[in-house]
Amino acid sequence: MDLSRFHMMDSHILLSIVNEQLRIECENLEDLVGLFDIPRDGLEQKLSSIGYQYDFLSNQFKAK
């Protein structure tokens, strides 16, 4: 999966992909942004625009 153009993706599709990667491949958000070489703040801002924020305890983006 290539997330280098995440800023151009539909936010809901991005949410689904990111949460799946967090569930099966990455221990936390830092691992995910490092794996895909994307800016954490940009990803969080994009998903925040649809009402989601990263929850450390569950290791997924959840509705605010």
PDB file of N, CA and C in Angstrom:
ATOM      1  N   MET A   1       0.847  -1.178   0.000  1.00  0.00           N
ATOM      2  CA  MET A   1       0.000   0.000   0.000  1.00  0.00           C
ATOM      3  C   MET A   1       0.889   1.235   0.000  1.00  0.00           C
ATOM      4  N   ASP A   2       0.571   2.172  -0.865  1.00  0.00           N
ATOM      5  CA  ASP A   2       1.314   3.420  -0.958  1.00  0.00           C
ATOM      6  C   ASP A   2       0.465   4.546  -0.382  1.00  0.00           C
ATOM      7  N   LEU A   3       0.906   5.094   0.726  1.00  0.00           N
ATOM      8  CA  LEU A   3       0.178   6.199   1.342  1.00  0.00           C
ATOM      9  C   LEU A   3       0.858   7.547   1.115  1.00  0.00           C
ATOM     10  N   SER A   4       1.826   7.580   0.216  1.00  0.00           N
ATOM     11  CA  SER A   4       2.573   8.825  -0.009  1.00  0.00           C
ATOM     12  C   SER A   4       1.670   9.967  -0.486  1.00  0.00           C
ATOM     13  N   ARG A   5       0.552   9.650  -1.088  1.00  0.00           N
ATOM     14  CA  ARG A   5      -0.387  10.679  -1.559  1.00  0.00           C
ATOM     15  C   ARG A   5      -1.667  10.662  -0.714  1.00  0.00           C
ATOM     16  N   PHE A   6      -1.502  10.391   0.576  1.00  0.00           N
ATOM     17  CA  PHE A   6      -2.654  10.281   1.476  1.00  0.00           C
ATOM     18  C   PHE A   6      -3.501  11.539   1.484  1.00  0.00           C
ATOM     19  N   HIS A   7      -2.861  12.694   1.303  1.00  0.00           N
ATOM     20  CA  HIS A   7      -3.586  13.970   1.355  1.00  0.00           C
ATOM     21  C   HIS A   7      -4.596  14.111   0.212  1.00  0.00           C
ATOM     22  N   MET A   8      -4.451  13.290  -0.828  1.00  0.00           N
ATOM     23  CA  MET A   8      -5.368  13.351  -1.965  1.00  0.00           C
ATOM     24  C   MET A   8      -6.449  12.264  -1.892  1.00  0.00           C
ATOM     25  N   MET A   9      -6.330  11.363  -0.922  1.00  0.00           N
ATOM     26  CA  MET A   9      -7.281  10.250  -0.800  1.00  0.00           C
ATOM     27  C   MET A   9      -8.574  10.713  -0.127  1.00  0.00           C
ATOM     28  N   ASP A  10      -9.647   9.998  -0.410  1.00  0.00           N
ATOM     29  CA  ASP A  10     -10.889  10.203   0.326  1.00  0.00           C
ATOM     30  C   ASP A  10     -10.599   9.917   1.804  1.00  0.00           C
ATOM     31  N   SER A  11     -11.013  10.797   2.685  1.00  0.00           N
ATOM     32  CA  SER A  11     -10.685  10.684   4.111  1.00  0.00           C
ATOM     33  C   SER A  11     -11.230   9.411   4.748  1.00  0.00           C
ATOM     34  N   HIS A  12     -12.401   8.976   4.336  1.00  0.00           N
ATOM     35  CA  HIS A  12     -12.989   7.770   4.931  1.00  0.00           C
ATOM     36  C   HIS A  12     -12.270   6.503   4.469  1.00  0.00           C
ATOM     37  N   ILE A  13     -11.832   6.490   3.244  1.00  0.00           N
ATOM     38  CA  ILE A  13     -11.046   5.352   2.749  1.00  0.00           C
ATOM     39  C   ILE A  13      -9.697   5.339   3.452  1.00  0.00           C
ATOM     40  N   LEU A  14      -9.093   6.501   3.603  1.00  0.00           N
ATOM     41  CA  LEU A  14      -7.828   6.615   4.317  1.00  0.00           C
ATOM     42  C   LEU A  14      -7.973   6.106   5.748  1.00  0.00           C
ATOM     43  N   LEU A  15      -9.026   6.491   6.414  1.00  0.00           N
ATOM     44  CA  LEU A  15      -9.294   6.034   7.781  1.00  0.00           C
ATOM     45  C   LEU A  15      -9.319   4.511   7.850  1.00  0.00           C
ATOM     46  N   SER A  16     -10.011   3.903   6.923  1.00  0.00           N
ATOM     47  CA  SER A  16     -10.110   2.443   6.888  1.00  0.00           C
ATOM     48  C   SER A  16      -8.747   1.796   6.683  1.00  0.00           C
ATOM     49  N   ILE A  17      -7.978   2.316   5.755  1.00  0.00           N
ATOM     50  CA  ILE A  17      -6.649   1.760   5.458  1.00  0.00           C
ATOM     51  C   ILE A  17      -5.718   1.936   6.661  1.00  0.00           C
ATOM     52  N   VAL A  18      -5.716   3.121   7.233  1.00  0.00           N
ATOM     53  CA  VAL A  18      -4.831   3.409   8.361  1.00  0.00           C
ATOM     54  C   VAL A  18      -5.175   2.520   9.554  1.00  0.00           C
ATOM     55  N   ASN A  19      -6.448   2.402   9.885  1.00  0.00           N
ATOM     56  CA  ASN A  19      -6.825   1.569  11.023  1.00  0.00           C
ATOM     57  C   ASN A  19      -6.504   0.098  10.769  1.00  0.00           C
ATOM     58  N   GLU A  20      -6.638  -0.352   9.539  1.00  0.00           N
ATOM     59  CA  GLU A  20      -6.272  -1.729   9.222  1.00  0.00           C
ATOM     60  C   GLU A  20      -4.770  -1.938   9.409  1.00  0.00           C
ATOM     61  N   GLN A  21      -3.963  -1.007   8.933  1.00  0.00           N
ATOM     62  CA  GLN A  21      -2.515  -1.124   9.090  1.00  0.00           C
ATOM     63  C   GLN A  21      -2.113  -1.078  10.560  1.00  0.00           C
ATOM     64  N   LEU A  22      -2.765  -0.234  11.333  1.00  0.00           N
ATOM     65  CA  LEU A  22      -2.492  -0.168  12.767  1.00  0.00           C
ATOM     66  C   LEU A  22      -2.861  -1.486  13.445  1.00  0.00           C
ATOM     67  N   ARG A  23      -3.892  -2.110  12.988  1.00  0.00           N
ATOM     68  CA  ARG A  23      -4.362  -3.360  13.582  1.00  0.00           C
ATOM     69  C   ARG A  23      -3.445  -4.532  13.246  1.00  0.00           C
ATOM     70  N   ILE A  24      -2.976  -4.620  11.997  1.00  0.00           N
ATOM     71  CA  ILE A  24      -2.268  -5.830  11.580  1.00  0.00           C
ATOM     72  C   ILE A  24      -0.753  -5.678  11.449  1.00  0.00           C
ATOM     73  N   GLU A  25      -0.243  -4.453  11.296  1.00  0.00           N
ATOM     74  CA  GLU A  25       1.169  -4.325  10.967  1.00  0.00           C
ATOM     75  C   GLU A  25       1.957  -3.386  11.874  1.00  0.00           C
ATOM     76  N   CYS A  26       1.325  -2.415  12.478  1.00  0.00           N
ATOM     77  CA  CYS A  26       2.061  -1.384  13.219  1.00  0.00           C
ATOM     78  C   CYS A  26       1.650  -1.377  14.688  1.00  0.00           C
ATOM     79  N   GLU A  27       2.649  -1.261  15.548  1.00  0.00           N
ATOM     80  CA  GLU A  27       2.382  -1.242  16.986  1.00  0.00           C
ATOM     81  C   GLU A  27       1.798   0.083  17.464  1.00  0.00           C
ATOM     82  N   ASN A  28       2.066   1.147  16.717  1.00  0.00           N
ATOM     83  CA  ASN A  28       1.546   2.452  17.107  1.00  0.00           C
ATOM     84  C   ASN A  28       1.604   3.403  15.906  1.00  0.00           C
ATOM     85  N   LEU A  29       1.148   4.616  16.126  1.00  0.00           N
ATOM     86  CA  LEU A  29       1.091   5.592  15.035  1.00  0.00           C
ATOM     87  C   LEU A  29       2.490   5.962  14.541  1.00  0.00           C
ATOM     88  N   GLU A  30       3.450   6.033  15.437  1.00  0.00           N
ATOM     89  CA  GLU A  30       4.825   6.348  15.028  1.00  0.00           C
ATOM     90  C   GLU A  30       5.362   5.292  14.061  1.00  0.00           C
ATOM     91  N   ASP A  31       5.066   4.010  14.330  1.00  0.00           N
ATOM     92  CA  ASP A  31       5.483   2.942  13.420  1.00  0.00           C
ATOM     93  C   ASP A  31       4.849   3.124  12.045  1.00  0.00           C
ATOM     94  N   LEU A  32       3.569   3.480  12.022  1.00  0.00           N
ATOM     95  CA  LEU A  32       2.854   3.639  10.761  1.00  0.00           C
ATOM     96  C   LEU A  32       3.426   4.776   9.917  1.00  0.00           C
ATOM     97  N   VAL A  33       3.614   5.939  10.541  1.00  0.00           N
ATOM     98  CA  VAL A  33       4.128   7.068   9.757  1.00  0.00           C
ATOM     99  C   VAL A  33       5.570   6.821   9.324  1.00  0.00           C
ATOM    100  N   GLY A  34       6.327   6.087  10.122  1.00  0.00           N
ATOM    101  CA  GLY A  34       7.688   5.731   9.733  1.00  0.00           C
ATOM    102  C   GLY A  34       7.709   4.730   8.598  1.00  0.00           C
ATOM    103  N   LEU A  35       6.844   3.734   8.668  1.00  0.00           N
ATOM    104  CA  LEU A  35       6.757   2.702   7.641  1.00  0.00           C
ATOM    105  C   LEU A  35       6.397   3.298   6.282  1.00  0.00           C
ATOM    106  N   PHE A  36       5.456   4.227   6.282  1.00  0.00           N
ATOM    107  CA  PHE A  36       4.981   4.810   5.030  1.00  0.00           C
ATOM    108  C   PHE A  36       5.636   6.154   4.704  1.00  0.00           C
ATOM    109  N   ASP A  37       6.520   6.616   5.586  1.00  0.00           N
ATOM    110  CA  ASP A  37       7.242   7.872   5.389  1.00  0.00           C
ATOM    111  C   ASP A  37       6.290   9.026   5.075  1.00  0.00           C
ATOM    112  N   ILE A  38       5.338   9.220   5.985  1.00  0.00           N
ATOM    113  CA  ILE A  38       4.360  10.302   5.846  1.00  0.00           C
ATOM    114  C   ILE A  38       4.387  11.150   7.115  1.00  0.00           C
ATOM    115  N   PRO A  39       4.009  12.412   7.024  1.00  0.00           N
ATOM    116  CA  PRO A  39       4.034  13.283   8.210  1.00  0.00           C
ATOM    117  C   PRO A  39       2.868  12.988   9.151  1.00  0.00           C
ATOM    118  N   ARG A  40       3.193  12.754  10.404  1.00  0.00           N
ATOM    119  CA  ARG A  40       2.167  12.437  11.397  1.00  0.00           C
ATOM    120  C   ARG A  40       1.136  13.557  11.506  1.00  0.00           C
ATOM    121  N   ASP A  41       1.609  14.791  11.585  1.00  0.00           N
ATOM    122  CA  ASP A  41       0.676  15.908  11.766  1.00  0.00           C
ATOM    123  C   ASP A  41      -0.273  16.048  10.575  1.00  0.00           C
ATOM    124  N   GLY A  42       0.207  15.794   9.379  1.00  0.00           N
ATOM    125  CA  GLY A  42      -0.652  15.863   8.191  1.00  0.00           C
ATOM    126  C   GLY A  42      -1.715  14.782   8.200  1.00  0.00           C
ATOM    127  N   LEU A  43      -1.322  13.573   8.596  1.00  0.00           N
ATOM    128  CA  LEU A  43      -2.277  12.463   8.681  1.00  0.00           C
ATOM    129  C   LEU A  43      -3.321  12.742   9.748  1.00  0.00           C
ATOM    130  N   GLU A  44      -2.871  13.178  10.923  1.00  0.00           N
ATOM    131  CA  GLU A  44      -3.813  13.465  12.003  1.00  0.00           C
ATOM    132  C   GLU A  44      -4.755  14.607  11.632  1.00  0.00           C
ATOM    133  N   GLN A  45      -4.258  15.598  10.941  1.00  0.00           N
ATOM    134  CA  GLN A  45      -5.094  16.727  10.523  1.00  0.00           C
ATOM    135  C   GLN A  45      -6.153  16.274   9.513  1.00  0.00           C
ATOM    136  N   LYS A  46      -5.745  15.438   8.569  1.00  0.00           N
ATOM    137  CA  LYS A  46      -6.676  14.937   7.547  1.00  0.00           C
ATOM    138  C   LYS A  46      -7.799  14.144   8.201  1.00  0.00           C
ATOM    139  N   LEU A  47      -7.462  13.268   9.142  1.00  0.00           N
ATOM    140  CA  LEU A  47      -8.488  12.447   9.776  1.00  0.00           C
ATOM    141  C   LEU A  47      -9.293  13.244  10.807  1.00  0.00           C
ATOM    142  N   SER A  48      -8.688  14.262  11.370  1.00  0.00           N
ATOM    143  CA  SER A  48      -9.413  15.143  12.285  1.00  0.00           C
ATOM    144  C   SER A  48     -10.508  15.913  11.548  1.00  0.00           C
ATOM    145  N   SER A  49     -10.281  16.172  10.277  1.00  0.00           N
ATOM    146  CA  SER A  49     -11.257  16.924   9.482  1.00  0.00           C
ATOM    147  C   SER A  49     -12.572  16.159   9.318  1.00  0.00           C
ATOM    148  N   ILE A  50     -12.553  14.845   9.546  1.00  0.00           N
ATOM    149  CA  ILE A  50     -13.799  14.062   9.493  1.00  0.00           C
ATOM    150  C   ILE A  50     -14.198  13.579  10.887  1.00  0.00           C
ATOM    151  N   GLY A  51     -13.553  14.146  11.908  1.00  0.00           N
ATOM    152  CA  GLY A  51     -13.960  13.878  13.284  1.00  0.00           C
ATOM    153  C   GLY A  51     -13.287  12.695  13.953  1.00  0.00           C
ATOM    154  N   TYR A  52     -12.094  12.329  13.514  1.00  0.00           N
ATOM    155  CA  TYR A  52     -11.384  11.201  14.113  1.00  0.00           C
ATOM    156  C   TYR A  52     -10.046  11.645  14.686  1.00  0.00           C
ATOM    157  N   GLN A  53      -9.681  11.010  15.805  1.00  0.00           N
ATOM    158  CA  GLN A  53      -8.379  11.274  16.406  1.00  0.00           C
ATOM    159  C   GLN A  53      -7.771   9.958  16.855  1.00  0.00           C
ATOM    160  N   TYR A  54      -6.451   9.952  16.938  1.00  0.00           N
ATOM    161  CA  TYR A  54      -5.734   8.736  17.305  1.00  0.00           C
ATOM    162  C   TYR A  54      -5.910   8.456  18.787  1.00  0.00           C
ATOM    163  N   ASP A  55      -6.251   7.205  19.106  1.00  0.00           N
ATOM    164  CA  ASP A  55      -6.379   6.751  20.480  1.00  0.00           C
ATOM    165  C   ASP A  55      -5.245   5.772  20.754  1.00  0.00           C
ATOM    166  N   PHE A  56      -4.305   6.173  21.612  1.00  0.00           N
ATOM    167  CA  PHE A  56      -3.127   5.377  21.909  1.00  0.00           C
ATOM    168  C   PHE A  56      -3.487   4.010  22.502  1.00  0.00           C
ATOM    169  N   LEU A  57      -4.458   3.990  23.397  1.00  0.00           N
ATOM    170  CA  LEU A  57      -4.801   2.740  24.096  1.00  0.00           C
ATOM    171  C   LEU A  57      -5.332   1.659  23.168  1.00  0.00           C
ATOM    172  N   SER A  58      -6.140   2.045  22.209  1.00  0.00           N
ATOM    173  CA  SER A  58      -6.693   1.055  21.278  1.00  0.00           C
ATOM    174  C   SER A  58      -5.884   0.965  19.984  1.00  0.00           C
ATOM    175  N   ASN A  59      -4.922   1.875  19.806  1.00  0.00           N
ATOM    176  CA  ASN A  59      -4.089   1.933  18.610  1.00  0.00           C
ATOM    177  C   ASN A  59      -4.922   2.019  17.334  1.00  0.00           C
ATOM    178  N   GLN A  60      -5.852   2.959  17.357  1.00  0.00           N
ATOM    179  CA  GLN A  60      -6.655   3.209  16.162  1.00  0.00           C
ATOM    180  C   GLN A  60      -7.218   4.617  16.217  1.00  0.00           C
ATOM    181  N   PHE A  61      -7.682   5.075  15.078  1.00  0.00           N
ATOM    182  CA  PHE A  61      -8.365   6.367  15.026  1.00  0.00           C
ATOM    183  C   PHE A  61      -9.832   6.127  15.360  1.00  0.00           C
ATOM    184  N   LYS A  62     -10.326   6.929  16.290  1.00  0.00           N
ATOM    185  CA  LYS A  62     -11.716   6.819  16.742  1.00  0.00           C
ATOM    186  C   LYS A  62     -12.410   8.163  16.615  1.00  0.00           C
ATOM    187  N   ALA A  63     -13.723   8.107  16.516  1.00  0.00           N
ATOM    188  CA  ALA A  63     -14.515   9.347  16.455  1.00  0.00           C
ATOM    189  C   ALA A  63     -14.334  10.125  17.747  1.00  0.00           C
ATOM    190  N   LYS A  64     -14.222  11.444  17.601  1.00  0.00           N
ATOM    191  CA  LYS A  64     -14.032  12.325  18.761  1.00  0.00           C
ATOM    192  C   LYS A  64     -15.250  12.311  19.648  1.00  0.00           C
TER     193      LYS A  64
END
